[in-house]
Amino acid sequence: MATSPEMTNQQHTVNEKDDEFWEETHETFVNLTLLLVFLQIGGIIMSSIADKEKLVKAMFTGKKRSMTISSNH
């Protein structure tokens, strides 16, 4: 069964619209994910500075120690 060129073009147009929608949706979620990753990294850096803790090292070792040096007065 042969399809007419008009029918093929109409189907292709619908697919292009669908493809564009999914491409935009994908791009939006990728950008949102990147934003969340950068916010997470920024939060870790700010928390490490504010609390004087080595959080990145603690993430790898599982041990959390303060960066402050205790003085023996």
N, C-alpha and C. Protein backbone atom coordinates (compact mmCIF):
# COMPACT_ATOMS: atom_id res chain seq x y z
N MET A 1 0.85 -1.17 0.00
CA MET A 1 0.00 0.00 0.00
C MET A 1 0.90 1.23 0.00
N ALA A 2 0.74 2.07 -0.98
CA ALA A 2 1.57 3.26 -1.13
C ALA A 2 0.92 4.43 -0.40
N THR A 3 1.77 5.27 0.19
CA THR A 3 1.25 6.47 0.86
C THR A 3 1.50 7.68 -0.02
N SER A 4 0.61 8.62 0.05
CA SER A 4 0.77 9.83 -0.76
C SER A 4 1.81 10.74 -0.10
N PRO A 5 2.48 11.59 -0.89
CA PRO A 5 3.47 12.52 -0.33
C PRO A 5 2.86 13.46 0.71
N GLU A 6 1.59 13.85 0.51
CA GLU A 6 0.95 14.75 1.47
C GLU A 6 0.84 14.08 2.84
N MET A 7 0.48 12.82 2.86
CA MET A 7 0.32 12.10 4.12
C MET A 7 1.68 11.95 4.81
N THR A 8 2.69 11.64 4.06
CA THR A 8 4.03 11.50 4.62
C THR A 8 4.50 12.82 5.20
N ASN A 9 4.29 13.92 4.47
CA ASN A 9 4.70 15.23 4.96
C ASN A 9 3.96 15.62 6.23
N GLN A 10 2.67 15.31 6.30
CA GLN A 10 1.90 15.62 7.50
C GLN A 10 2.41 14.83 8.69
N GLN A 11 2.70 13.58 8.48
CA GLN A 11 3.23 12.76 9.57
C GLN A 11 4.60 13.27 10.01
N HIS A 12 5.40 13.68 9.05
CA HIS A 12 6.74 14.19 9.36
C HIS A 12 6.65 15.49 10.14
N THR A 13 5.70 16.35 9.80
CA THR A 13 5.50 17.61 10.51
C THR A 13 5.11 17.35 11.95
N VAL A 14 4.24 16.42 12.18
CA VAL A 14 3.84 16.07 13.54
C VAL A 14 5.04 15.55 14.30
N ASN A 15 5.83 14.70 13.68
CA ASN A 15 7.02 14.16 14.33
C ASN A 15 8.03 15.25 14.64
N GLU A 16 8.18 16.24 13.75
CA GLU A 16 9.10 17.33 14.01
C GLU A 16 8.66 18.13 15.22
N LYS A 17 7.34 18.36 15.34
CA LYS A 17 6.81 19.09 16.50
C LYS A 17 7.05 18.28 17.77
N ASP A 18 6.80 16.98 17.70
CA ASP A 18 7.04 16.12 18.86
C ASP A 18 8.52 16.09 19.22
N ASP A 19 9.35 15.97 18.20
CA ASP A 19 10.79 15.95 18.45
C ASP A 19 11.26 17.25 19.09
N GLU A 20 10.75 18.36 18.62
CA GLU A 20 11.12 19.66 19.17
C GLU A 20 10.68 19.77 20.63
N PHE A 21 9.46 19.30 20.91
CA PHE A 21 8.96 19.33 22.29
C PHE A 21 9.87 18.52 23.21
N TRP A 22 10.19 17.29 22.80
CA TRP A 22 11.01 16.43 23.67
C TRP A 22 12.44 16.95 23.77
N GLU A 23 12.94 17.54 22.71
CA GLU A 23 14.29 18.13 22.75
C GLU A 23 14.33 19.29 23.74
N GLU A 24 13.32 20.16 23.69
CA GLU A 24 13.25 21.29 24.62
C GLU A 24 13.06 20.81 26.06
N THR A 25 12.22 19.80 26.24
CA THR A 25 12.00 19.24 27.58
C THR A 25 13.30 18.66 28.13
N HIS A 26 14.01 17.93 27.31
CA HIS A 26 15.29 17.33 27.71
C HIS A 26 16.28 18.42 28.08
N GLU A 27 16.38 19.44 27.25
CA GLU A 27 17.31 20.54 27.50
C GLU A 27 16.98 21.26 28.81
N THR A 28 15.70 21.45 29.08
CA THR A 28 15.27 22.10 30.32
C THR A 28 15.70 21.28 31.53
N PHE A 29 15.48 19.96 31.48
CA PHE A 29 15.86 19.12 32.61
C PHE A 29 17.38 19.01 32.77
N VAL A 30 18.11 19.03 31.67
CA VAL A 30 19.58 19.03 31.76
C VAL A 30 20.05 20.30 32.44
N ASN A 31 19.51 21.44 32.02
CA ASN A 31 19.90 22.71 32.63
C ASN A 31 19.51 22.78 34.10
N LEU A 32 18.35 22.26 34.45
CA LEU A 32 17.92 22.22 35.84
C LEU A 32 18.86 21.34 36.67
N THR A 33 19.24 20.20 36.13
CA THR A 33 20.16 19.30 36.82
C THR A 33 21.51 19.97 37.04
N LEU A 34 22.02 20.65 36.01
CA LEU A 34 23.30 21.36 36.16
C LEU A 34 23.20 22.45 37.22
N LEU A 35 22.10 23.18 37.24
CA LEU A 35 21.90 24.20 38.25
C LEU A 35 21.93 23.60 39.65
N LEU A 36 21.23 22.49 39.84
CA LEU A 36 21.21 21.83 41.14
C LEU A 36 22.59 21.32 41.55
N VAL A 37 23.36 20.81 40.60
CA VAL A 37 24.72 20.35 40.90
C VAL A 37 25.59 21.51 41.36
N PHE A 38 25.53 22.64 40.64
CA PHE A 38 26.34 23.80 41.02
C PHE A 38 25.89 24.38 42.36
N LEU A 39 24.60 24.39 42.63
CA LEU A 39 24.11 24.84 43.93
C LEU A 39 24.61 23.93 45.05
N GLN A 40 24.61 22.63 44.80
CA GLN A 40 25.10 21.66 45.79
C GLN A 40 26.58 21.89 46.07
N ILE A 41 27.38 22.05 45.02
CA ILE A 41 28.82 22.29 45.19
C ILE A 41 29.05 23.61 45.93
N GLY A 42 28.31 24.64 45.56
CA GLY A 42 28.43 25.93 46.24
C GLY A 42 28.06 25.81 47.71
N GLY A 43 27.03 25.06 48.01
CA GLY A 43 26.62 24.84 49.40
C GLY A 43 27.68 24.11 50.20
N ILE A 44 28.32 23.13 49.58
CA ILE A 44 29.39 22.39 50.26
C ILE A 44 30.56 23.31 50.57
N ILE A 45 30.93 24.14 49.60
CA ILE A 45 32.05 25.07 49.81
C ILE A 45 31.70 26.08 50.91
N MET A 46 30.51 26.65 50.84
CA MET A 46 30.11 27.63 51.85
C MET A 46 30.03 27.01 53.24
N SER A 47 29.49 25.82 53.32
CA SER A 47 29.39 25.13 54.60
C SER A 47 30.77 24.77 55.15
N SER A 48 31.66 24.35 54.28
CA SER A 48 33.02 24.02 54.71
C SER A 48 33.72 25.25 55.28
N ILE A 49 33.54 26.39 54.65
CA ILE A 49 34.17 27.62 55.12
C ILE A 49 33.51 28.10 56.42
N ALA A 50 32.18 28.13 56.44
CA ALA A 50 31.47 28.64 57.61
C ALA A 50 31.69 27.78 58.85
N ASP A 51 31.69 26.46 58.69
CA ASP A 51 31.82 25.56 59.83
C ASP A 51 33.26 25.12 60.06
N LYS A 52 34.17 25.57 59.19
CA LYS A 52 35.59 25.20 59.27
C LYS A 52 35.76 23.67 59.33
N GLU A 53 35.07 23.01 58.40
CA GLU A 53 35.16 21.55 58.31
C GLU A 53 35.62 21.15 56.91
N LYS A 54 36.30 20.05 56.81
CA LYS A 54 36.75 19.52 55.53
C LYS A 54 35.71 18.53 55.01
N LEU A 55 34.63 19.07 54.45
CA LEU A 55 33.52 18.22 54.03
C LEU A 55 33.85 17.35 52.83
N VAL A 56 34.63 17.87 51.89
CA VAL A 56 34.95 17.08 50.70
C VAL A 56 35.78 15.85 51.10
N LYS A 57 36.76 16.06 51.94
CA LYS A 57 37.57 14.93 52.42
C LYS A 57 36.70 13.94 53.18
N ALA A 58 35.79 14.46 53.98
CA ALA A 58 34.89 13.60 54.75
C ALA A 58 34.00 12.75 53.85
N MET A 59 33.64 13.30 52.68
CA MET A 59 32.81 12.54 51.75
C MET A 59 33.53 11.30 51.23
N PHE A 60 34.85 11.41 51.09
CA PHE A 60 35.63 10.28 50.58
C PHE A 60 36.05 9.33 51.69
N THR A 61 36.41 9.87 52.86
CA THR A 61 36.92 9.03 53.94
C THR A 61 35.84 8.54 54.87
N GLY A 62 34.74 9.29 54.96
CA GLY A 62 33.68 8.93 55.89
C GLY A 62 33.94 9.46 57.29
N LYS A 63 35.04 10.17 57.46
CA LYS A 63 35.39 10.74 58.77
C LYS A 63 35.39 12.26 58.65
N LYS A 64 34.67 12.90 59.56
CA LYS A 64 34.54 14.34 59.51
C LYS A 64 35.30 14.96 60.69
N ARG A 65 36.31 15.76 60.35
CA ARG A 65 37.09 16.46 61.38
C ARG A 65 37.05 17.95 61.11
N SER A 66 37.17 18.73 62.14
CA SER A 66 37.18 20.16 62.02
C SER A 66 38.53 20.64 61.50
N MET A 67 38.56 21.77 60.77
CA MET A 67 39.81 22.34 60.28
C MET A 67 40.49 23.19 61.36
N THR A 68 39.80 23.46 62.46
CA THR A 68 40.40 24.30 63.50
C THR A 68 41.47 23.52 64.26
N ILE A 69 42.51 24.21 64.64
CA ILE A 69 43.59 23.60 65.40
C ILE A 69 43.38 23.96 66.86
N SER A 70 43.32 22.94 67.68
CA SER A 70 43.11 23.22 69.11
C SER A 70 44.41 23.73 69.72
N SER A 71 44.28 24.74 70.57
CA SER A 71 45.46 25.31 71.22
C SER A 71 45.57 24.76 72.63
N ASN A 72 46.79 24.56 73.05
CA ASN A 72 47.05 24.03 74.39
C ASN A 72 47.45 25.19 75.31
N HIS A 73 46.47 25.83 75.93
CA HIS A 73 46.73 26.96 76.82
C HIS A 73 46.86 26.47 78.22
